[in-house]
Amino acid sequence: MSRYRRARVEGGTFFFTLVLTDRSDDLLVREIDRFRRSYADARARRPFETVAICVLPDHLHAIWTLPPGDGDFATRWSVIKAGFSRDLAPAGLRSPGQVAKRDKGIWQRRHWEHVIRDDADLARHVDYIHYNPVKHGCVSAVRDWPHSSFHHYVARGLLPSDWGGDLVTIEGAFGE
């Protein structure tokens, strides 16, 4: 069995990518209220700060800062994924192992994380998250995607509402 190495940075800030098994599905936006409930439940049970987030039809990106002395993001994502999947029908094709583990086959098993190193790294990842709906052709302007923390950044005066209008690329390596 493979042993995956996860970054253990207590109180760290992390960039995440989580993906549905079926990349052609729009389940995350169709069931956005279910996702929001699951996310809020996980935050209530095991607090963390959401720095930025964007939920797309088949995947999501988020940046979290964990509380001091706590480096366990994996349990939080497990709670979110399980809560979201509860009461949904299983995916059509599941392996015997998925059936045995009661895995509905909705989410890809693993997620991608990156430890945010400094302010410049954080800024690049926040920009990447907010521009992602345009990159994937969901909208032509960042402001038009409703499932993004971009709107909170605009409301707090951190970004103009027309931000990203002339961006072509955002430099950096990101987890997609």
Protein backbone atom coordinates (compact mmCIF):
# COMPACT_ATOMS: atom_id res chain seq x y z
CA MET A 1 0.00 0.00 0.00
CA SER A 2 1.28 3.47 -0.85
CA ARG A 3 2.03 5.87 1.96
CA TYR A 4 1.43 9.45 0.94
CA ARG A 5 3.53 12.14 2.51
CA ARG A 6 1.52 15.10 3.66
CA ALA A 7 2.94 18.39 4.80
CA ARG A 8 2.62 18.71 8.57
CA VAL A 9 2.79 22.41 9.29
CA GLU A 10 0.85 23.27 12.42
CA GLY A 11 -0.97 26.57 11.98
CA GLY A 12 0.13 26.62 8.33
CA THR A 13 -1.54 28.08 5.28
CA PHE A 14 -2.26 25.64 2.45
CA PHE A 15 -3.57 25.69 -1.12
CA PHE A 16 -5.80 22.72 -2.04
CA THR A 17 -7.35 21.20 -5.14
CA LEU A 18 -10.12 18.60 -4.82
CA VAL A 19 -11.69 16.94 -7.85
CA LEU A 20 -14.79 14.88 -8.60
CA THR A 21 -14.22 11.45 -10.08
CA ASP A 22 -16.34 12.37 -13.10
CA ARG A 23 -14.70 15.47 -14.56
CA SER A 24 -17.68 15.97 -16.91
CA ASP A 25 -20.14 16.33 -14.01
CA ASP A 26 -21.41 19.67 -12.69
CA LEU A 27 -22.37 18.16 -9.32
CA LEU A 28 -20.54 20.72 -7.19
CA VAL A 29 -22.47 23.69 -8.56
CA ARG A 30 -25.75 21.78 -8.91
CA GLU A 31 -25.46 20.88 -5.23
CA ILE A 32 -23.74 24.07 -4.04
CA ASP A 33 -26.03 24.43 -1.02
CA ARG A 34 -25.17 20.87 0.06
CA PHE A 35 -21.48 21.72 -0.32
CA ARG A 36 -21.86 24.92 1.70
CA ARG A 37 -23.62 23.04 4.53
CA SER A 38 -20.92 20.38 4.61
CA TYR A 39 -18.18 23.02 4.58
CA ALA A 40 -19.82 25.00 7.40
CA ASP A 41 -20.27 21.82 9.46
CA ALA A 42 -16.59 20.95 9.09
CA ARG A 43 -15.56 24.47 10.12
CA ALA A 44 -17.82 24.29 13.18
CA ARG A 45 -16.38 20.92 14.21
CA ARG A 46 -12.71 21.71 13.46
CA PRO A 47 -12.17 25.44 12.89
CA PHE A 48 -9.99 26.87 10.13
CA GLU A 49 -9.82 30.16 8.26
CA THR A 50 -10.78 30.24 4.59
CA VAL A 51 -8.43 32.68 2.88
CA ALA A 52 -9.86 32.07 -0.61
CA ILE A 53 -12.08 29.50 -2.32
CA CYS A 54 -13.66 28.84 -5.68
CA VAL A 55 -16.08 26.00 -6.39
CA LEU A 56 -16.32 24.98 -10.04
CA PRO A 57 -18.59 22.33 -11.59
CA ASP A 58 -16.14 19.42 -11.19
CA HIS A 59 -13.41 20.65 -8.83
CA LEU A 60 -12.58 23.26 -6.25
CA HIS A 61 -9.60 25.23 -5.03
CA ALA A 62 -9.20 26.64 -1.53
CA ILE A 63 -6.64 28.26 0.70
CA TRP A 64 -6.91 27.60 4.40
CA THR A 65 -5.01 28.72 7.46
CA LEU A 66 -5.17 26.22 10.30
CA PRO A 67 -5.20 27.14 13.99
CA PRO A 68 -1.90 27.28 15.88
CA GLY A 69 -0.80 23.81 16.96
CA ASP A 70 -3.04 22.09 14.39
CA GLY A 71 -1.81 20.64 11.09
CA ASP A 72 -4.66 18.24 10.33
CA PHE A 73 -6.31 19.42 7.12
CA ALA A 74 -6.91 15.85 5.88
CA THR A 75 -9.58 15.14 8.51
CA ARG A 76 -11.34 18.39 7.69
CA TRP A 77 -11.47 17.54 3.97
CA SER A 78 -12.69 14.04 4.83
CA VAL A 79 -15.55 15.54 6.85
CA ILE A 80 -16.45 17.91 4.00
CA LYS A 81 -16.35 15.19 1.33
CA ALA A 82 -18.34 12.72 3.44
CA GLY A 83 -20.93 15.33 4.40
CA PHE A 84 -21.34 16.40 0.79
CA SER A 85 -21.66 12.82 -0.46
CA ARG A 86 -24.11 11.68 2.22
CA ASP A 87 -27.55 11.00 0.74
CA LEU A 88 -26.28 11.24 -2.84
CA ALA A 89 -26.55 8.22 -5.09
CA PRO A 90 -23.26 6.38 -5.65
CA ALA A 91 -21.41 6.86 -8.93
CA GLY A 92 -22.30 4.35 -11.62
CA LEU A 93 -18.99 2.51 -11.73
CA ARG A 94 -17.28 1.69 -8.45
CA SER A 95 -14.52 -0.78 -7.72
CA PRO A 96 -15.11 -3.63 -5.26
CA GLY A 97 -12.78 -1.78 -2.87
CA GLN A 98 -14.90 1.37 -3.07
CA VAL A 99 -18.04 -0.64 -2.40
CA ALA A 100 -16.43 -2.39 0.57
CA LYS A 101 -15.27 0.95 2.02
CA ARG A 102 -18.68 2.54 1.36
CA ASP A 103 -16.95 5.03 -0.94
CA LYS A 104 -19.61 6.39 -3.28
CA GLY A 105 -17.07 7.11 -5.99
CA ILE A 106 -18.01 10.79 -6.16
CA TRP A 107 -14.63 12.27 -5.23
CA GLN A 108 -11.16 11.38 -6.42
CA ARG A 109 -9.46 9.63 -3.50
CA ARG A 110 -6.67 12.09 -2.96
CA HIS A 111 -6.41 15.83 -2.97
CA TRP A 112 -3.48 18.05 -3.86
CA GLU A 113 -2.04 20.44 -1.33
CA HIS A 114 0.75 22.98 -1.34
CA VAL A 115 2.19 24.77 1.69
CA ILE A 116 2.06 28.52 1.13
CA ARG A 117 5.63 29.75 1.59
CA ASP A 118 5.35 33.54 1.76
CA ASP A 119 3.16 36.54 0.90
CA ALA A 120 4.05 36.43 -2.80
CA ASP A 121 3.18 32.73 -2.99
CA LEU A 122 -0.13 33.44 -1.24
CA ALA A 123 -0.96 36.29 -3.63
CA ARG A 124 -0.26 34.08 -6.69
CA HIS A 125 -2.48 31.31 -5.37
CA VAL A 126 -5.33 33.67 -4.45
CA ASP A 127 -5.16 35.15 -7.97
CA TYR A 128 -5.15 31.65 -9.47
CA ILE A 129 -8.23 30.66 -7.47
CA HIS A 130 -10.17 33.75 -8.44
CA TYR A 131 -9.24 33.55 -12.13
CA ASN A 132 -9.96 29.81 -12.40
CA PRO A 133 -13.59 30.09 -13.66
CA VAL A 134 -12.35 32.21 -16.58
CA LYS A 135 -9.48 29.80 -17.26
CA HIS A 136 -11.95 26.90 -17.50
CA GLY A 137 -14.38 28.82 -19.72
CA CYS A 138 -17.19 28.96 -17.15
CA VAL A 139 -17.45 32.75 -17.48
CA SER A 140 -15.70 35.51 -19.40
CA ALA A 141 -15.21 37.79 -16.38
CA VAL A 142 -14.14 36.82 -12.86
CA ARG A 143 -17.00 38.84 -11.33
CA ASP A 144 -19.58 36.67 -13.14
CA TRP A 145 -18.76 33.44 -11.25
CA PRO A 146 -20.96 33.27 -8.13
CA HIS A 147 -19.14 30.50 -6.23
CA SER A 148 -15.93 32.37 -5.44
CA SER A 149 -14.43 34.30 -2.56
CA PHE A 150 -13.60 36.96 -5.17
CA HIS A 151 -16.85 38.70 -4.18
CA HIS A 152 -15.70 38.93 -0.54
CA TYR A 153 -12.42 40.45 -1.69
CA VAL A 154 -14.34 43.08 -3.70
CA ALA A 155 -16.72 43.79 -0.79
CA ARG A 156 -13.73 44.35 1.53
CA GLY A 157 -12.08 46.69 -1.00
CA LEU A 158 -9.15 44.32 -1.62
CA LEU A 159 -9.87 43.92 -5.35
CA PRO A 160 -11.78 46.02 -7.90
CA SER A 161 -14.91 44.43 -9.36
CA ASP A 162 -13.34 44.37 -12.83
CA TRP A 163 -10.18 42.56 -11.61
CA GLY A 164 -8.87 39.92 -13.98
CA GLY A 165 -10.39 41.48 -17.04
CA ASP A 166 -7.13 41.67 -18.94
CA LEU A 167 -5.19 38.78 -17.39
CA VAL A 168 -3.84 36.23 -19.83
CA THR A 169 -1.80 33.97 -17.57
CA ILE A 170 -0.93 33.73 -13.90
CA GLU A 171 2.61 32.57 -13.26
CA GLY A 172 3.21 29.56 -11.04
CA ALA A 173 2.64 25.84 -10.63
CA PHE A 174 -0.80 24.95 -9.36
CA GLY A 175 -2.50 21.67 -8.49
CA GLU A 176 -4.74 20.76 -11.39
